[in-house]
Amino acid sequence: TIIPNMLVTGILAVVFSLAYLVWATLFVQKKNAGVALILLSIAMLLVGGGIFPPVIGMIIGILGTRISTPLTWWRTHLSVDLRHFLARGWPGSFFASLIAWLLLFPGINIMGYFFGVNDPNLTVILILLAFGSLLLTILSGFAYDIQL
């Protein structure tokens, strides 16, 4: 954080996180909504909003810049067979990503508190699985949108 006071840091982290949540749910279809999400993510990062929420927020913001834009780049760089394969796998990759993120949080905390599992390797594996499945879901989501 760039704020030296812990109380102010906590308040600003909550304020920027709530602003991100409101913007992402109510204004995502607006022009430049993705840029606003990226800026709010950077603000969250600077005021102590953690590491992963701002990083994921920036990824979502980058994707938000592609709302209502033609998907010509994806059409030219993905073969038809690969697009069909990825589009068919979109629901499964979304479900896998959801499960991976739930295993990461709150799963790690639940496993540690109730079952005494405290394995750093498991945490790293779940982080890699969560981000990998997120990237696969993004790719398959674009392929699915091309099919529409």
C-alpha atoms as a PDB file:
ATOM      1  CA  THR A   1       0.000   0.000   0.000  1.00  0.00           C
ATOM      2  CA  ILE A   2       1.047   3.583  -0.501  1.00  0.00           C
ATOM      3  CA  ILE A   3      -0.947   4.738   2.553  1.00  0.00           C
ATOM      4  CA  PRO A   4       1.038   4.670   5.827  1.00  0.00           C
ATOM      5  CA  ASN A   5      -2.039   4.490   8.096  1.00  0.00           C
ATOM      6  CA  MET A   6      -3.548   0.986   8.488  1.00  0.00           C
ATOM      7  CA  LEU A   7      -7.064   2.271   9.266  1.00  0.00           C
ATOM      8  CA  VAL A   8      -7.136   4.524   6.216  1.00  0.00           C
ATOM      9  CA  THR A   9      -5.648   1.705   4.132  1.00  0.00           C
ATOM     10  CA  GLY A  10      -8.420  -0.669   5.194  1.00  0.00           C
ATOM     11  CA  ILE A  11     -11.157   1.883   4.568  1.00  0.00           C
ATOM     12  CA  LEU A  12      -9.798   2.789   1.124  1.00  0.00           C
ATOM     13  CA  ALA A  13      -9.371  -0.873   0.181  1.00  0.00           C
ATOM     14  CA  VAL A  14     -13.022  -1.525   1.020  1.00  0.00           C
ATOM     15  CA  VAL A  15     -14.181   1.649  -0.754  1.00  0.00           C
ATOM     16  CA  PHE A  16     -12.306   0.839  -3.977  1.00  0.00           C
ATOM     17  CA  SER A  17     -13.398  -2.803  -3.838  1.00  0.00           C
ATOM     18  CA  LEU A  18     -17.041  -1.755  -3.469  1.00  0.00           C
ATOM     19  CA  ALA A  19     -16.629   0.765  -6.289  1.00  0.00           C
ATOM     20  CA  TYR A  20     -15.219  -2.022  -8.466  1.00  0.00           C
ATOM     21  CA  LEU A  21     -18.129  -4.301  -7.552  1.00  0.00           C
ATOM     22  CA  VAL A  22     -20.717  -1.622  -8.343  1.00  0.00           C
ATOM     23  CA  TRP A  23     -19.043  -0.691 -11.616  1.00  0.00           C
ATOM     24  CA  ALA A  24     -18.663  -4.317 -12.709  1.00  0.00           C
ATOM     25  CA  THR A  25     -22.300  -5.135 -12.000  1.00  0.00           C
ATOM     26  CA  LEU A  26     -24.108  -1.975 -13.080  1.00  0.00           C
ATOM     27  CA  PHE A  27     -21.970  -0.193 -15.666  1.00  0.00           C
ATOM     28  CA  VAL A  28     -20.074  -2.937 -17.494  1.00  0.00           C
ATOM     29  CA  GLN A  29     -21.928  -2.291 -20.771  1.00  0.00           C
ATOM     30  CA  LYS A  30     -20.941   1.395 -20.835  1.00  0.00           C
ATOM     31  CA  LYS A  31     -18.285   2.745 -23.158  1.00  0.00           C
ATOM     32  CA  ASN A  32     -14.808   2.506 -21.583  1.00  0.00           C
ATOM     33  CA  ALA A  33     -16.130   0.312 -18.752  1.00  0.00           C
ATOM     34  CA  GLY A  34     -13.120  -1.988 -19.104  1.00  0.00           C
ATOM     35  CA  VAL A  35     -10.707   0.919 -18.696  1.00  0.00           C
ATOM     36  CA  ALA A  36     -12.571   2.011 -15.556  1.00  0.00           C
ATOM     37  CA  LEU A  37     -12.283  -1.530 -14.159  1.00  0.00           C
ATOM     38  CA  ILE A  38      -8.550  -1.543 -14.855  1.00  0.00           C
ATOM     39  CA  LEU A  39      -8.109   1.820 -13.109  1.00  0.00           C
ATOM     40  CA  LEU A  40     -10.157   0.684 -10.106  1.00  0.00           C
ATOM     41  CA  SER A  41      -8.026  -2.489  -9.938  1.00  0.00           C
ATOM     42  CA  ILE A  42      -4.842  -0.425  -9.930  1.00  0.00           C
ATOM     43  CA  ALA A  43      -6.307   1.739  -7.170  1.00  0.00           C
ATOM     44  CA  MET A  44      -7.182  -1.400  -5.163  1.00  0.00           C
ATOM     45  CA  LEU A  45      -3.621  -2.642  -5.584  1.00  0.00           C
ATOM     46  CA  LEU A  46      -2.151   0.678  -4.410  1.00  0.00           C
ATOM     47  CA  VAL A  47      -4.356   1.027  -1.328  1.00  0.00           C
ATOM     48  CA  GLY A  48      -3.898  -2.487   0.019  1.00  0.00           C
ATOM     49  CA  GLY A  49      -6.631  -4.481  -1.717  1.00  0.00           C
ATOM     50  CA  GLY A  50      -4.390  -7.544  -1.917  1.00  0.00           C
ATOM     51  CA  ILE A  51      -2.641  -9.067  -4.899  1.00  0.00           C
ATOM     52  CA  PHE A  52      -5.061 -11.496  -6.516  1.00  0.00           C
ATOM     53  CA  PRO A  53      -8.257  -9.390  -6.509  1.00  0.00           C
ATOM     54  CA  PRO A  54      -6.592  -6.519  -8.394  1.00  0.00           C
ATOM     55  CA  VAL A  55      -4.839  -8.903 -10.810  1.00  0.00           C
ATOM     56  CA  ILE A  56      -8.089 -10.711 -11.577  1.00  0.00           C
ATOM     57  CA  GLY A  57      -9.805  -7.329 -11.777  1.00  0.00           C
ATOM     58  CA  MET A  58      -7.280  -6.180 -14.381  1.00  0.00           C
ATOM     59  CA  ILE A  59      -7.846  -9.347 -16.410  1.00  0.00           C
ATOM     60  CA  ILE A  60     -11.594  -8.745 -16.276  1.00  0.00           C
ATOM     61  CA  GLY A  61     -11.054  -5.095 -17.195  1.00  0.00           C
ATOM     62  CA  ILE A  62      -8.981  -6.067 -20.210  1.00  0.00           C
ATOM     63  CA  LEU A  63     -11.744  -8.446 -21.265  1.00  0.00           C
ATOM     64  CA  GLY A  64     -14.270  -5.689 -20.614  1.00  0.00           C
ATOM     65  CA  THR A  65     -12.614  -3.573 -23.280  1.00  0.00           C
ATOM     66  CA  ARG A  66     -13.644  -6.253 -25.796  1.00  0.00           C
ATOM     67  CA  ILE A  67     -17.391  -5.995 -25.063  1.00  0.00           C
ATOM     68  CA  SER A  68     -19.384  -5.193 -28.226  1.00  0.00           C
ATOM     69  CA  THR A  69     -16.334  -5.373 -30.467  1.00  0.00           C
ATOM     70  CA  PRO A  70     -15.905  -7.633 -33.471  1.00  0.00           C
ATOM     71  CA  LEU A  71     -13.984 -10.830 -32.811  1.00  0.00           C
ATOM     72  CA  THR A  72     -12.053 -10.773 -36.087  1.00  0.00           C
ATOM     73  CA  TRP A  73      -8.662 -11.428 -34.471  1.00  0.00           C
ATOM     74  CA  TRP A  74      -9.975 -14.631 -32.892  1.00  0.00           C
ATOM     75  CA  ARG A  75     -11.527 -15.756 -36.178  1.00  0.00           C
ATOM     76  CA  THR A  76      -8.262 -15.356 -38.048  1.00  0.00           C
ATOM     77  CA  HIS A  77      -5.989 -16.919 -35.408  1.00  0.00           C
ATOM     78  CA  LEU A  78      -8.088 -19.900 -34.318  1.00  0.00           C
ATOM     79  CA  SER A  79      -8.824 -22.661 -36.782  1.00  0.00           C
ATOM     80  CA  VAL A  80     -12.454 -23.641 -37.284  1.00  0.00           C
ATOM     81  CA  ASP A  81     -11.934 -27.047 -35.672  1.00  0.00           C
ATOM     82  CA  LEU A  82     -10.214 -25.510 -32.630  1.00  0.00           C
ATOM     83  CA  ARG A  83     -12.983 -22.908 -32.288  1.00  0.00           C
ATOM     84  CA  HIS A  84     -15.656 -25.629 -32.353  1.00  0.00           C
ATOM     85  CA  PHE A  85     -13.720 -27.733 -29.844  1.00  0.00           C
ATOM     86  CA  LEU A  86     -13.219 -24.816 -27.460  1.00  0.00           C
ATOM     87  CA  ALA A  87     -16.813 -23.616 -27.850  1.00  0.00           C
ATOM     88  CA  ARG A  88     -18.150 -27.056 -26.929  1.00  0.00           C
ATOM     89  CA  GLY A  89     -15.876 -27.092 -23.876  1.00  0.00           C
ATOM     90  CA  TRP A  90     -16.902 -23.665 -22.604  1.00  0.00           C
ATOM     91  CA  PRO A  91     -19.448 -24.843 -19.967  1.00  0.00           C
ATOM     92  CA  GLY A  92     -17.009 -27.447 -18.640  1.00  0.00           C
ATOM     93  CA  SER A  93     -14.114 -25.026 -18.449  1.00  0.00           C
ATOM     94  CA  PHE A  94     -16.305 -22.483 -16.684  1.00  0.00           C
ATOM     95  CA  PHE A  95     -17.376 -25.111 -14.138  1.00  0.00           C
ATOM     96  CA  ALA A  96     -13.757 -26.238 -13.645  1.00  0.00           C
ATOM     97  CA  SER A  97     -12.670 -22.634 -13.125  1.00  0.00           C
ATOM     98  CA  LEU A  98     -15.440 -22.067 -10.597  1.00  0.00           C
ATOM     99  CA  ILE A  99     -14.475 -25.188  -8.647  1.00  0.00           C
ATOM    100  CA  ALA A 100     -10.764 -24.271  -8.756  1.00  0.00           C
ATOM    101  CA  TRP A 101     -11.437 -20.796  -7.355  1.00  0.00           C
ATOM    102  CA  LEU A 102     -13.730 -22.198  -4.652  1.00  0.00           C
ATOM    103  CA  LEU A 103     -11.050 -24.711  -3.695  1.00  0.00           C
ATOM    104  CA  LEU A 104      -8.590 -21.858  -3.448  1.00  0.00           C
ATOM    105  CA  PHE A 105     -10.878 -19.644  -1.400  1.00  0.00           C
ATOM    106  CA  PRO A 106     -12.550 -20.581   0.900  1.00  0.00           C
ATOM    107  CA  GLY A 107     -11.325 -24.171   0.368  1.00  0.00           C
ATOM    108  CA  ILE A 108      -7.769 -23.607   1.615  1.00  0.00           C
ATOM    109  CA  ASN A 109      -9.073 -21.923   4.768  1.00  0.00           C
ATOM    110  CA  ILE A 110     -11.645 -24.649   5.430  1.00  0.00           C
ATOM    111  CA  MET A 111      -9.101 -27.434   4.891  1.00  0.00           C
ATOM    112  CA  GLY A 112      -6.649 -25.703   7.218  1.00  0.00           C
ATOM    113  CA  TYR A 113      -9.124 -24.894   9.979  1.00  0.00           C
ATOM    114  CA  PHE A 114     -11.184 -28.091  10.081  1.00  0.00           C
ATOM    115  CA  PHE A 115      -8.744 -30.721   8.817  1.00  0.00           C
ATOM    116  CA  GLY A 116      -5.327 -29.289   9.671  1.00  0.00           C
ATOM    117  CA  VAL A 117      -4.171 -29.296   6.045  1.00  0.00           C
ATOM    118  CA  ASN A 118      -1.394 -26.737   5.677  1.00  0.00           C
ATOM    119  CA  ASP A 119       0.523 -27.665   2.540  1.00  0.00           C
ATOM    120  CA  PRO A 120       2.172 -24.839   0.578  1.00  0.00           C
ATOM    121  CA  ASN A 121       2.491 -27.120  -2.459  1.00  0.00           C
ATOM    122  CA  LEU A 122      -1.280 -27.635  -2.486  1.00  0.00           C
ATOM    123  CA  THR A 123      -1.770 -23.881  -2.402  1.00  0.00           C
ATOM    124  CA  VAL A 124       0.575 -23.366  -5.359  1.00  0.00           C
ATOM    125  CA  ILE A 125      -1.135 -26.144  -7.319  1.00  0.00           C
ATOM    126  CA  LEU A 126      -4.559 -24.624  -6.651  1.00  0.00           C
ATOM    127  CA  ILE A 127      -3.354 -21.156  -7.681  1.00  0.00           C
ATOM    128  CA  LEU A 128      -1.976 -22.550 -10.939  1.00  0.00           C
ATOM    129  CA  LEU A 129      -5.157 -24.555 -11.516  1.00  0.00           C
ATOM    130  CA  ALA A 130      -7.351 -21.525 -10.830  1.00  0.00           C
ATOM    131  CA  PHE A 131      -5.468 -19.196 -13.176  1.00  0.00           C
ATOM    132  CA  GLY A 132      -5.011 -21.882 -15.832  1.00  0.00           C
ATOM    133  CA  SER A 133      -8.692 -22.749 -15.858  1.00  0.00           C
ATOM    134  CA  LEU A 134      -9.553 -19.038 -15.914  1.00  0.00           C
ATOM    135  CA  LEU A 135      -7.429 -18.540 -19.026  1.00  0.00           C
ATOM    136  CA  LEU A 136      -8.986 -21.624 -20.662  1.00  0.00           C
ATOM    137  CA  THR A 137     -12.448 -20.290 -19.841  1.00  0.00           C
ATOM    138  CA  ILE A 138     -11.594 -16.930 -21.393  1.00  0.00           C
ATOM    139  CA  LEU A 139     -10.299 -18.578 -24.560  1.00  0.00           C
ATOM    140  CA  SER A 140     -13.255 -20.941 -24.827  1.00  0.00           C
ATOM    141  CA  GLY A 141     -15.643 -18.061 -24.090  1.00  0.00           C
ATOM    142  CA  PHE A 142     -14.319 -16.124 -27.069  1.00  0.00           C
ATOM    143  CA  ALA A 143     -14.627 -19.257 -29.212  1.00  0.00           C
ATOM    144  CA  TYR A 144     -18.202 -19.721 -27.996  1.00  0.00           C
ATOM    145  CA  ASP A 145     -19.065 -16.083 -28.784  1.00  0.00           C
ATOM    146  CA  ILE A 146     -17.719 -16.491 -32.309  1.00  0.00           C
ATOM    147  CA  GLN A 147     -20.170 -19.355 -32.842  1.00  0.00           C
ATOM    148  CA  LEU A 148     -23.167 -17.135 -32.012  1.00  0.00           C
END
